[in-house]
Amino acid sequence: VGAPASSAAPVPTTALAGVTAEAQRAIDEIADGASAVSAQTLTASSDVVAVAAGACTSTALRSLNLYLSCSELRGAQAIATAIERTVSLETLDMEGNRIGAAGAVHIGQALGDNATLTELNLRNNGIGGDGMTEIASGVARNTCLCDLNIDGNAIGVRGAQLLAPALAVNTTLHTLNIGTNDLGYAAAG
């Protein structure tokens, strides 16, 4: 009788053309059924797109760390697709990915339809006040997010005013980091 399936060596995924070794490692870990994958400091949005594609199909991935990766708009679109399609992802760290307001639109739309994500870190992404429109809408519709970090996004008073009604209807969010956002005194009133 052969060896039990659990002792078999993981089957490597086919190497993807145009992705860095770090991205390929993360893709392989996701394919092998890892529950937590860290793919920090990916240098191209194509790397983030490839990792996001892997996350879309995983039923085991619970935590994805893309800290200081170069998502930008293209990567944000791919991550949004992963947020929409995932059946297991609970924690997503996108700190410092430069998604901007345009990327925030995609992330916010996906957040509203997601039923698994409990922690989302969007710190230092240049979201601005305009980007908060869809983030706020997603927060209002989301029923599982517990922890949101939007620190350092220069959302200003406008962004805070957009977020306030969403916070009034969301019953799951209990931790919000909104520091360093140029809120001034007007947002408090």
N, C-alpha and C. Protein backbone atom coordinates (compact mmCIF):
# COMPACT_ATOMS: atom_id res chain seq x y z
N VAL A 1 0.86 -1.17 0.00
CA VAL A 1 0.00 0.00 0.00
C VAL A 1 0.90 1.23 0.00
N GLY A 2 0.54 2.22 -0.79
CA GLY A 2 1.35 3.42 -0.90
C GLY A 2 1.30 4.26 0.35
N ALA A 3 2.12 5.31 0.37
CA ALA A 3 2.18 6.24 1.50
C ALA A 3 0.89 7.03 1.59
N PRO A 4 0.49 7.41 2.79
CA PRO A 4 -0.71 8.24 2.94
C PRO A 4 -0.56 9.55 2.18
N ALA A 5 -1.69 10.05 1.70
CA ALA A 5 -1.68 11.29 0.91
C ALA A 5 -1.05 12.45 1.66
N SER A 6 -1.20 12.49 2.98
CA SER A 6 -0.68 13.62 3.74
C SER A 6 0.84 13.67 3.76
N SER A 7 1.51 12.55 3.48
CA SER A 7 2.96 12.57 3.49
C SER A 7 3.55 12.82 2.10
N ALA A 8 2.70 12.92 1.11
CA ALA A 8 3.18 13.17 -0.24
C ALA A 8 3.73 14.59 -0.34
N ALA A 9 4.74 14.74 -1.16
CA ALA A 9 5.33 16.07 -1.37
C ALA A 9 4.33 16.94 -2.11
N PRO A 10 4.26 18.22 -1.79
CA PRO A 10 3.34 19.11 -2.49
C PRO A 10 3.70 19.18 -3.97
N VAL A 11 2.67 19.27 -4.78
CA VAL A 11 2.89 19.38 -6.21
C VAL A 11 3.17 20.84 -6.53
N PRO A 12 4.34 21.14 -7.11
CA PRO A 12 4.64 22.55 -7.40
C PRO A 12 3.75 23.06 -8.52
N THR A 13 3.38 24.31 -8.43
CA THR A 13 2.61 24.91 -9.51
C THR A 13 3.56 25.25 -10.65
N THR A 14 3.00 25.41 -11.81
CA THR A 14 3.80 25.79 -12.95
C THR A 14 4.29 27.22 -12.75
N ALA A 15 5.55 27.45 -13.00
CA ALA A 15 6.10 28.79 -12.84
C ALA A 15 5.41 29.73 -13.83
N LEU A 16 5.01 30.88 -13.33
CA LEU A 16 4.35 31.87 -14.16
C LEU A 16 5.38 32.81 -14.76
N ALA A 17 5.25 33.05 -16.03
CA ALA A 17 6.17 33.96 -16.70
C ALA A 17 5.94 35.38 -16.22
N GLY A 18 7.00 36.10 -16.00
CA GLY A 18 6.90 37.51 -15.66
C GLY A 18 6.67 37.83 -14.21
N VAL A 19 6.62 36.85 -13.32
CA VAL A 19 6.47 37.16 -11.90
C VAL A 19 7.79 36.92 -11.19
N THR A 20 7.99 37.65 -10.13
CA THR A 20 9.22 37.51 -9.37
C THR A 20 9.22 36.21 -8.57
N ALA A 21 10.38 35.84 -8.07
CA ALA A 21 10.50 34.64 -7.25
C ALA A 21 9.65 34.75 -6.00
N GLU A 22 9.56 35.94 -5.40
CA GLU A 22 8.74 36.15 -4.20
C GLU A 22 7.27 35.91 -4.51
N ALA A 23 6.80 36.42 -5.63
CA ALA A 23 5.40 36.20 -6.01
C ALA A 23 5.16 34.72 -6.29
N GLN A 24 6.08 34.07 -6.97
CA GLN A 24 5.92 32.65 -7.28
C GLN A 24 5.88 31.82 -6.00
N ARG A 25 6.72 32.19 -5.02
CA ARG A 25 6.71 31.49 -3.74
C ARG A 25 5.34 31.60 -3.08
N ALA A 26 4.78 32.80 -3.08
CA ALA A 26 3.46 33.02 -2.47
C ALA A 26 2.39 32.23 -3.22
N ILE A 27 2.45 32.23 -4.53
CA ILE A 27 1.49 31.48 -5.35
C ILE A 27 1.58 29.99 -5.03
N ASP A 28 2.79 29.49 -4.92
CA ASP A 28 2.99 28.07 -4.59
C ASP A 28 2.45 27.75 -3.20
N GLU A 29 2.68 28.63 -2.23
CA GLU A 29 2.16 28.41 -0.87
C GLU A 29 0.64 28.37 -0.87
N ILE A 30 0.01 29.26 -1.62
CA ILE A 30 -1.44 29.27 -1.71
C ILE A 30 -1.93 27.97 -2.34
N ALA A 31 -1.28 27.56 -3.43
CA ALA A 31 -1.66 26.32 -4.12
C ALA A 31 -1.47 25.09 -3.22
N ASP A 32 -0.49 25.16 -2.34
CA ASP A 32 -0.23 24.04 -1.42
C ASP A 32 -1.16 24.03 -0.22
N GLY A 33 -2.06 25.00 -0.13
CA GLY A 33 -3.06 25.01 0.93
C GLY A 33 -2.66 25.75 2.19
N ALA A 34 -1.71 26.68 2.09
CA ALA A 34 -1.31 27.45 3.26
C ALA A 34 -2.48 28.30 3.75
N SER A 35 -2.58 28.46 5.06
CA SER A 35 -3.64 29.30 5.61
C SER A 35 -3.21 30.75 5.76
N ALA A 36 -1.90 31.00 5.80
CA ALA A 36 -1.38 32.36 5.90
C ALA A 36 -0.21 32.51 4.93
N VAL A 37 -0.27 33.56 4.12
CA VAL A 37 0.79 33.80 3.14
C VAL A 37 1.21 35.26 3.24
N SER A 38 2.52 35.46 3.28
CA SER A 38 3.08 36.81 3.29
C SER A 38 3.85 37.02 2.01
N ALA A 39 3.42 38.01 1.24
CA ALA A 39 4.09 38.35 -0.01
C ALA A 39 4.41 39.84 0.04
N GLN A 40 5.21 40.21 1.01
CA GLN A 40 5.54 41.62 1.22
C GLN A 40 6.50 42.13 0.17
N THR A 41 6.38 43.39 -0.09
CA THR A 41 7.26 44.15 -0.99
C THR A 41 7.37 43.56 -2.39
N LEU A 42 6.24 43.10 -2.94
CA LEU A 42 6.24 42.71 -4.34
C LEU A 42 6.51 43.97 -5.15
N THR A 43 7.29 43.84 -6.20
CA THR A 43 7.76 45.04 -6.90
C THR A 43 6.96 45.43 -8.13
N ALA A 44 6.00 44.63 -8.53
CA ALA A 44 5.21 44.97 -9.72
C ALA A 44 3.75 44.60 -9.49
N SER A 45 2.85 45.37 -10.09
CA SER A 45 1.43 45.07 -9.93
C SER A 45 1.11 43.71 -10.54
N SER A 46 1.88 43.27 -11.54
CA SER A 46 1.65 41.94 -12.13
C SER A 46 1.87 40.84 -11.10
N ASP A 47 2.80 41.05 -10.16
CA ASP A 47 3.01 40.09 -9.08
C ASP A 47 1.77 40.01 -8.19
N VAL A 48 1.22 41.17 -7.85
CA VAL A 48 0.04 41.21 -6.99
C VAL A 48 -1.14 40.57 -7.71
N VAL A 49 -1.28 40.82 -9.00
CA VAL A 49 -2.36 40.22 -9.79
C VAL A 49 -2.24 38.69 -9.76
N ALA A 50 -1.05 38.17 -9.91
CA ALA A 50 -0.84 36.72 -9.91
C ALA A 50 -1.15 36.11 -8.54
N VAL A 51 -0.73 36.76 -7.48
CA VAL A 51 -1.01 36.27 -6.12
C VAL A 51 -2.52 36.33 -5.86
N ALA A 52 -3.16 37.40 -6.28
CA ALA A 52 -4.61 37.54 -6.10
C ALA A 52 -5.37 36.44 -6.83
N ALA A 53 -4.90 36.09 -8.02
CA ALA A 53 -5.54 35.00 -8.77
C ALA A 53 -5.49 33.70 -7.99
N GLY A 54 -4.37 33.43 -7.36
CA GLY A 54 -4.26 32.25 -6.52
C GLY A 54 -5.18 32.30 -5.32
N ALA A 55 -5.31 33.48 -4.73
CA ALA A 55 -6.18 33.65 -3.56
C ALA A 55 -7.64 33.42 -3.92
N CYS A 56 -8.02 33.72 -5.15
CA CYS A 56 -9.41 33.54 -5.60
C CYS A 56 -9.85 32.09 -5.51
N THR A 57 -8.94 31.18 -5.74
CA THR A 57 -9.29 29.76 -5.82
C THR A 57 -9.02 28.99 -4.54
N SER A 58 -8.37 29.60 -3.58
CA SER A 58 -8.01 28.90 -2.36
C SER A 58 -9.20 28.77 -1.40
N THR A 59 -9.32 27.59 -0.81
CA THR A 59 -10.32 27.39 0.23
C THR A 59 -9.68 27.33 1.60
N ALA A 60 -8.35 27.43 1.64
CA ALA A 60 -7.62 27.34 2.90
C ALA A 60 -7.04 28.67 3.36
N LEU A 61 -6.81 29.58 2.44
CA LEU A 61 -6.14 30.84 2.76
C LEU A 61 -6.99 31.71 3.69
N ARG A 62 -6.46 32.00 4.88
CA ARG A 62 -7.16 32.82 5.87
C ARG A 62 -6.55 34.22 5.98
N SER A 63 -5.24 34.34 5.70
CA SER A 63 -4.54 35.60 5.90
C SER A 63 -3.58 35.85 4.74
N LEU A 64 -3.69 37.04 4.16
CA LEU A 64 -2.81 37.43 3.06
C LEU A 64 -2.17 38.78 3.39
N ASN A 65 -0.85 38.80 3.44
CA ASN A 65 -0.10 40.00 3.77
C ASN A 65 0.60 40.50 2.52
N LEU A 66 0.15 41.63 2.01
CA LEU A 66 0.75 42.26 0.83
C LEU A 66 1.39 43.60 1.19
N TYR A 67 1.88 43.71 2.41
CA TYR A 67 2.49 44.94 2.92
C TYR A 67 3.54 45.48 1.95
N LEU A 68 3.43 46.75 1.62
CA LEU A 68 4.37 47.48 0.76
C LEU A 68 4.58 46.81 -0.60
N SER A 69 3.55 46.17 -1.09
CA SER A 69 3.63 45.63 -2.44
C SER A 69 3.13 46.70 -3.39
N CYS A 70 3.43 46.54 -4.62
CA CYS A 70 3.14 47.57 -5.62
C CYS A 70 1.81 47.25 -6.32
N SER A 71 0.71 47.29 -5.58
CA SER A 71 -0.59 46.95 -6.16
C SER A 71 -1.03 47.97 -7.18
N GLU A 72 -1.06 49.21 -6.77
CA GLU A 72 -1.61 50.29 -7.58
C GLU A 72 -2.99 49.89 -8.09
N LEU A 73 -3.51 50.50 -9.13
CA LEU A 73 -4.87 50.25 -9.57
C LEU A 73 -5.05 48.81 -10.07
N ARG A 74 -4.15 48.34 -10.89
CA ARG A 74 -4.29 46.99 -11.48
C ARG A 74 -4.31 45.92 -10.38
N GLY A 75 -3.43 46.04 -9.42
CA GLY A 75 -3.40 45.10 -8.31
C GLY A 75 -4.64 45.21 -7.44
N ALA A 76 -5.11 46.44 -7.22
CA ALA A 76 -6.31 46.65 -6.41
C ALA A 76 -7.52 45.98 -7.07
N GLN A 77 -7.60 46.06 -8.38
CA GLN A 77 -8.70 45.41 -9.10
C GLN A 77 -8.64 43.89 -8.89
N ALA A 78 -7.45 43.32 -8.97
CA ALA A 78 -7.29 41.87 -8.79
C ALA A 78 -7.58 41.46 -7.35
N ILE A 79 -7.12 42.25 -6.39
CA ILE A 79 -7.40 41.94 -4.99
C ILE A 79 -8.90 42.06 -4.72
N ALA A 80 -9.56 43.04 -5.33
CA ALA A 80 -11.01 43.18 -5.17
C ALA A 80 -11.72 41.92 -5.67
N THR A 81 -11.27 41.39 -6.78
CA THR A 81 -11.85 40.15 -7.29
C THR A 81 -11.65 39.02 -6.29
N ALA A 82 -10.48 38.95 -5.69
CA ALA A 82 -10.22 37.93 -4.67
C ALA A 82 -11.12 38.12 -3.46
N ILE A 83 -11.33 39.36 -3.05
CA ILE A 83 -12.21 39.65 -1.91
C ILE A 83 -13.63 39.19 -2.23
N GLU A 84 -14.08 39.42 -3.45
CA GLU A 84 -15.43 39.01 -3.86
C GLU A 84 -15.58 37.50 -3.91
N ARG A 85 -14.55 36.80 -4.38
CA ARG A 85 -14.67 35.36 -4.65
C ARG A 85 -14.22 34.45 -3.52
N THR A 86 -13.48 34.98 -2.59
CA THR A 86 -12.91 34.13 -1.55
C THR A 86 -13.99 33.50 -0.67
N VAL A 87 -13.70 32.30 -0.23
CA VAL A 87 -14.59 31.63 0.71
C VAL A 87 -13.92 31.45 2.07
N SER A 88 -12.68 31.95 2.18
CA SER A 88 -11.94 31.71 3.43
C SER A 88 -11.13 32.90 3.95
N LEU A 89 -10.81 33.87 3.13
CA LEU A 89 -9.91 34.96 3.53
C LEU A 89 -10.53 35.82 4.63
N GLU A 90 -9.83 35.90 5.76
CA GLU A 90 -10.31 36.67 6.91
C GLU A 90 -9.49 37.92 7.17
N THR A 91 -8.20 37.90 6.85
CA THR A 91 -7.30 39.01 7.14
C THR A 91 -6.56 39.40 5.86
N LEU A 92 -6.62 40.68 5.53
CA LEU A 92 -5.92 41.19 4.35
C LEU A 92 -5.16 42.45 4.74
N ASP A 93 -3.84 42.43 4.54
CA ASP A 93 -2.99 43.58 4.82
C ASP A 93 -2.49 44.15 3.51
N MET A 94 -2.99 45.33 3.15
CA MET A 94 -2.58 46.01 1.93
C MET A 94 -1.89 47.33 2.23
N GLU A 95 -1.28 47.43 3.40
CA GLU A 95 -0.63 48.68 3.78
C GLU A 95 0.43 49.09 2.76
N GLY A 96 0.40 50.36 2.37
CA GLY A 96 1.42 50.93 1.52
C GLY A 96 1.41 50.43 0.09
N ASN A 97 0.25 50.11 -0.46
CA ASN A 97 0.15 49.57 -1.81
C ASN A 97 -0.16 50.59 -2.89
N ARG A 98 -0.29 51.85 -2.51
CA ARG A 98 -0.53 52.94 -3.47
C ARG A 98 -1.73 52.69 -4.38
N ILE A 99 -2.84 52.23 -3.80
CA ILE A 99 -4.02 51.95 -4.62
C ILE A 99 -4.76 53.21 -5.04
N GLY A 100 -4.60 54.29 -4.28
CA GLY A 100 -5.24 55.55 -4.61
C GLY A 100 -6.76 55.48 -4.56
N ALA A 101 -7.40 56.57 -4.97
CA ALA A 101 -8.86 56.65 -4.95
C ALA A 101 -9.47 55.66 -5.93
N ALA A 102 -8.86 55.49 -7.09
CA ALA A 102 -9.40 54.57 -8.10
C ALA A 102 -9.37 53.13 -7.61
N GLY A 103 -8.30 52.73 -6.96
CA GLY A 103 -8.22 51.38 -6.40
C GLY A 103 -9.17 51.18 -5.25
N ALA A 104 -9.38 52.23 -4.46
CA ALA A 104 -10.30 52.17 -3.32
C ALA A 104 -11.73 51.91 -3.79
N VAL A 105 -12.07 52.40 -4.97
CA VAL A 105 -13.40 52.14 -5.53
C VAL A 105 -13.62 50.63 -5.64
N HIS A 106 -12.65 49.92 -6.19
CA HIS A 106 -12.78 48.47 -6.38
C HIS A 106 -12.79 47.72 -5.06
N ILE A 107 -11.90 48.12 -4.15
CA ILE A 107 -11.84 47.46 -2.85
C ILE A 107 -13.15 47.69 -2.08
N GLY A 108 -13.67 48.90 -2.10
CA GLY A 108 -14.91 49.21 -1.41
C GLY A 108 -16.09 48.43 -1.96
N GLN A 109 -16.18 48.34 -3.28
CA GLN A 109 -17.28 47.58 -3.89
C GLN A 109 -17.20 46.11 -3.48
N ALA A 110 -16.01 45.55 -3.50
CA ALA A 110 -15.83 44.14 -3.12
C ALA A 110 -16.12 43.93 -1.64
N LEU A 111 -15.74 44.88 -0.82
CA LEU A 111 -15.95 44.77 0.63
C LEU A 111 -17.43 44.66 0.96
N GLY A 112 -18.26 45.35 0.22
CA GLY A 112 -19.70 45.30 0.46
C GLY A 112 -20.31 43.94 0.17
N ASP A 113 -19.67 43.16 -0.69
CA ASP A 113 -20.19 41.85 -1.08
C ASP A 113 -19.50 40.70 -0.37
N ASN A 114 -18.50 40.98 0.43
CA ASN A 114 -17.70 39.94 1.07
C ASN A 114 -18.35 39.43 2.35
N ALA A 115 -18.20 38.11 2.59
CA ALA A 115 -18.80 37.51 3.78
C ALA A 115 -17.78 36.81 4.67
N THR A 116 -16.47 37.06 4.46
CA THR A 116 -15.45 36.37 5.26
C THR A 116 -14.43 37.30 5.89
N LEU A 117 -14.17 38.45 5.29
CA LEU A 117 -13.08 39.33 5.73
C LEU A 117 -13.42 40.00 7.05
N THR A 118 -12.59 39.77 8.07
CA THR A 118 -12.82 40.39 9.38
C THR A 118 -11.81 41.50 9.68
N GLU A 119 -10.64 41.46 9.03
CA GLU A 119 -9.61 42.49 9.24
C GLU A 119 -9.10 42.99 7.89
N LEU A 120 -9.09 44.31 7.71
CA LEU A 120 -8.60 44.91 6.48
C LEU A 120 -7.71 46.09 6.83
N ASN A 121 -6.46 46.04 6.36
CA ASN A 121 -5.51 47.13 6.58
C ASN A 121 -5.26 47.83 5.25
N LEU A 122 -5.75 49.06 5.15
CA LEU A 122 -5.54 49.89 3.96
C LEU A 122 -4.68 51.11 4.29
N ARG A 123 -3.90 51.03 5.33
CA ARG A 123 -3.07 52.15 5.78
C ARG A 123 -2.12 52.62 4.67
N ASN A 124 -1.97 53.94 4.56
CA ASN A 124 -1.01 54.56 3.64
C ASN A 124 -1.17 54.11 2.19
N ASN A 125 -2.36 54.33 1.66
CA ASN A 125 -2.64 53.96 0.28
C ASN A 125 -3.05 55.13 -0.60
N GLY A 126 -3.03 56.35 -0.06
CA GLY A 126 -3.38 57.52 -0.86
C GLY A 126 -4.83 57.52 -1.32
N ILE A 127 -5.72 57.03 -0.48
CA ILE A 127 -7.13 56.90 -0.84
C ILE A 127 -7.81 58.26 -0.99
N GLY A 128 -7.52 59.19 -0.10
CA GLY A 128 -8.11 60.52 -0.17
C GLY A 128 -9.61 60.52 0.09
N GLY A 129 -10.19 61.70 0.12
CA GLY A 129 -11.62 61.83 0.36
C GLY A 129 -12.47 61.17 -0.71
N ASP A 130 -12.07 61.32 -1.97
CA ASP A 130 -12.84 60.72 -3.07
C ASP A 130 -12.89 59.20 -2.97
N GLY A 131 -11.79 58.59 -2.57
CA GLY A 131 -11.75 57.14 -2.45
C GLY A 131 -12.61 56.59 -1.33
N MET A 132 -12.97 57.43 -0.39
CA MET A 132 -13.77 56.98 0.74
C MET A 132 -15.23 56.73 0.37
N THR A 133 -15.69 57.22 -0.76
CA THR A 133 -17.08 57.02 -1.15
C THR A 133 -17.42 55.53 -1.20
N GLU A 134 -16.65 54.75 -1.94
CA GLU A 134 -16.93 53.31 -2.05
C GLU A 134 -16.48 52.53 -0.83
N ILE A 135 -15.41 52.96 -0.18
CA ILE A 135 -15.00 52.29 1.06
C ILE A 135 -16.14 52.41 2.08
N ALA A 136 -16.70 53.60 2.23
CA ALA A 136 -17.80 53.82 3.16
C ALA A 136 -19.01 52.98 2.77
N SER A 137 -19.32 52.93 1.50
CA SER A 137 -20.45 52.12 1.03
C SER A 137 -20.23 50.65 1.35
N GLY A 138 -19.00 50.17 1.13
CA GLY A 138 -18.67 48.79 1.44
C GLY A 138 -18.78 48.49 2.93
N VAL A 139 -18.32 49.41 3.75
CA VAL A 139 -18.41 49.25 5.21
C VAL A 139 -19.89 49.19 5.63
N ALA A 140 -20.72 50.01 5.03
CA ALA A 140 -22.14 50.03 5.38
C ALA A 140 -22.82 48.71 5.04
N ARG A 141 -22.44 48.08 3.93
CA ARG A 141 -23.09 46.84 3.48
C ARG A 141 -22.45 45.58 4.08
N ASN A 142 -21.22 45.69 4.55
CA ASN A 142 -20.50 44.52 5.04
C ASN A 142 -21.06 44.04 6.38
N THR A 143 -21.09 42.72 6.55
CA THR A 143 -21.66 42.14 7.77
C THR A 143 -20.66 41.31 8.58
N CYS A 144 -19.36 41.43 8.27
CA CYS A 144 -18.39 40.62 9.02
C CYS A 144 -17.12 41.37 9.41
N LEU A 145 -16.85 42.51 8.80
CA LEU A 145 -15.61 43.24 9.07
C LEU A 145 -15.60 43.75 10.52
N CYS A 146 -14.55 43.40 11.25
CA CYS A 146 -14.42 43.80 12.66
C CYS A 146 -13.35 44.88 12.85
N ASP A 147 -12.33 44.90 11.99
CA ASP A 147 -11.16 45.76 12.19
C ASP A 147 -10.78 46.39 10.86
N LEU A 148 -10.81 47.72 10.80
CA LEU A 148 -10.46 48.46 9.59
C LEU A 148 -9.41 49.51 9.92
N ASN A 149 -8.31 49.51 9.17
CA ASN A 149 -7.25 50.49 9.35
C ASN A 149 -7.16 51.32 8.07
N ILE A 150 -7.53 52.60 8.18
CA ILE A 150 -7.41 53.53 7.05
C ILE A 150 -6.52 54.71 7.42
N ASP A 151 -5.65 54.50 8.38
CA ASP A 151 -4.70 55.51 8.83
C ASP A 151 -3.83 55.98 7.66
N GLY A 152 -3.51 57.26 7.66
CA GLY A 152 -2.54 57.80 6.71
C GLY A 152 -3.00 57.85 5.27
N ASN A 153 -4.28 58.10 5.03
CA ASN A 153 -4.79 58.14 3.66
C ASN A 153 -5.28 59.51 3.22
N ALA A 154 -5.04 60.54 4.04
CA ALA A 154 -5.45 61.91 3.72
C ALA A 154 -6.91 61.99 3.27
N ILE A 155 -7.79 61.33 4.03
CA ILE A 155 -9.20 61.33 3.64
C ILE A 155 -9.87 62.66 3.96
N GLY A 156 -9.29 63.41 4.88
CA GLY A 156 -9.82 64.72 5.22
C GLY A 156 -11.21 64.68 5.81
N VAL A 157 -11.77 65.85 5.98
CA VAL A 157 -13.10 65.99 6.56
C VAL A 157 -14.13 65.31 5.67
N ARG A 158 -14.01 65.49 4.37
CA ARG A 158 -14.98 64.89 3.44
C ARG A 158 -15.03 63.38 3.60
N GLY A 159 -13.88 62.74 3.66
CA GLY A 159 -13.84 61.28 3.82
C GLY A 159 -14.45 60.82 5.12
N ALA A 160 -14.17 61.57 6.19
CA ALA A 160 -14.74 61.23 7.50
C ALA A 160 -16.26 61.39 7.47
N GLN A 161 -16.74 62.43 6.79
CA GLN A 161 -18.18 62.65 6.69
C GLN A 161 -18.84 61.55 5.87
N LEU A 162 -18.16 61.03 4.88
CA LEU A 162 -18.70 59.91 4.10
C LEU A 162 -18.74 58.63 4.92
N LEU A 163 -17.76 58.44 5.77
CA LEU A 163 -17.66 57.23 6.57
C LEU A 163 -18.65 57.20 7.74
N ALA A 164 -18.97 58.34 8.30
CA ALA A 164 -19.82 58.40 9.50
C ALA A 164 -21.15 57.66 9.35
N PRO A 165 -21.93 57.86 8.30
CA PRO A 165 -23.19 57.13 8.18
C PRO A 165 -22.99 55.61 8.06
N ALA A 166 -21.91 55.20 7.45
CA ALA A 166 -21.61 53.77 7.31
C ALA A 166 -21.35 53.15 8.68
N LEU A 167 -20.66 53.89 9.53
CA LEU A 167 -20.38 53.40 10.87
C LEU A 167 -21.65 53.29 11.70
N ALA A 168 -22.62 54.13 11.40
CA ALA A 168 -23.88 54.12 12.14
C ALA A 168 -24.70 52.86 11.84
N VAL A 169 -24.53 52.28 10.64
CA VAL A 169 -25.33 51.10 10.28
C VAL A 169 -24.56 49.79 10.38
N ASN A 170 -23.23 49.85 10.35
CA ASN A 170 -22.43 48.63 10.45
C ASN A 170 -22.43 48.15 11.90
N THR A 171 -22.82 46.90 12.11
CA THR A 171 -22.92 46.37 13.48
C THR A 171 -21.75 45.47 13.87
N THR A 172 -20.81 45.23 12.96
CA THR A 172 -19.70 44.31 13.27
C THR A 172 -18.38 45.02 13.50
N LEU A 173 -18.19 46.18 12.93
CA LEU A 173 -16.91 46.89 13.04
C LEU A 173 -16.73 47.41 14.47
N HIS A 174 -15.67 46.97 15.12
CA HIS A 174 -15.43 47.45 16.49
C HIS A 174 -14.08 48.13 16.64
N THR A 175 -13.21 48.04 15.63
CA THR A 175 -11.93 48.73 15.69
C THR A 175 -11.73 49.50 14.38
N LEU A 176 -11.53 50.79 14.50
CA LEU A 176 -11.29 51.65 13.35
C LEU A 176 -10.09 52.53 13.65
N ASN A 177 -9.06 52.42 12.82
CA ASN A 177 -7.91 53.31 12.94
C ASN A 177 -8.02 54.32 11.81
N ILE A 178 -8.29 55.56 12.20
CA ILE A 178 -8.51 56.63 11.23
C ILE A 178 -7.52 57.77 11.42
N GLY A 179 -6.46 57.50 12.20
CA GLY A 179 -5.47 58.53 12.51
C GLY A 179 -4.74 59.04 11.27
N THR A 180 -4.04 60.14 11.43
CA THR A 180 -3.21 60.75 10.40
C THR A 180 -3.96 60.89 9.08
N ASN A 181 -5.12 61.55 9.13
CA ASN A 181 -5.94 61.70 7.93
C ASN A 181 -6.39 63.14 7.68
N ASP A 182 -5.69 64.10 8.24
CA ASP A 182 -6.02 65.51 8.00
C ASP A 182 -7.48 65.82 8.32
N LEU A 183 -7.94 65.35 9.47
CA LEU A 183 -9.35 65.53 9.83
C LEU A 183 -9.63 66.90 10.42
N GLY A 184 -8.70 67.46 11.13
CA GLY A 184 -8.91 68.77 11.73
C GLY A 184 -10.06 68.75 12.73
N TYR A 185 -10.44 69.91 13.15
CA TYR A 185 -11.52 70.02 14.14
C TYR A 185 -12.90 69.93 13.51
N ALA A 186 -13.03 70.26 12.24
CA ALA A 186 -14.35 70.27 11.58
C ALA A 186 -14.98 68.89 11.54
N ALA A 187 -14.17 67.83 11.45
CA ALA A 187 -14.72 66.47 11.38
C ALA A 187 -15.37 66.06 12.68
N ALA A 188 -14.97 66.64 13.76
CA ALA A 188 -15.51 66.26 15.06
C ALA A 188 -16.95 66.78 15.23
N GLY A 189 -17.34 67.80 14.51
CA GLY A 189 -18.65 68.40 14.68
C GLY A 189 -19.68 67.87 13.81
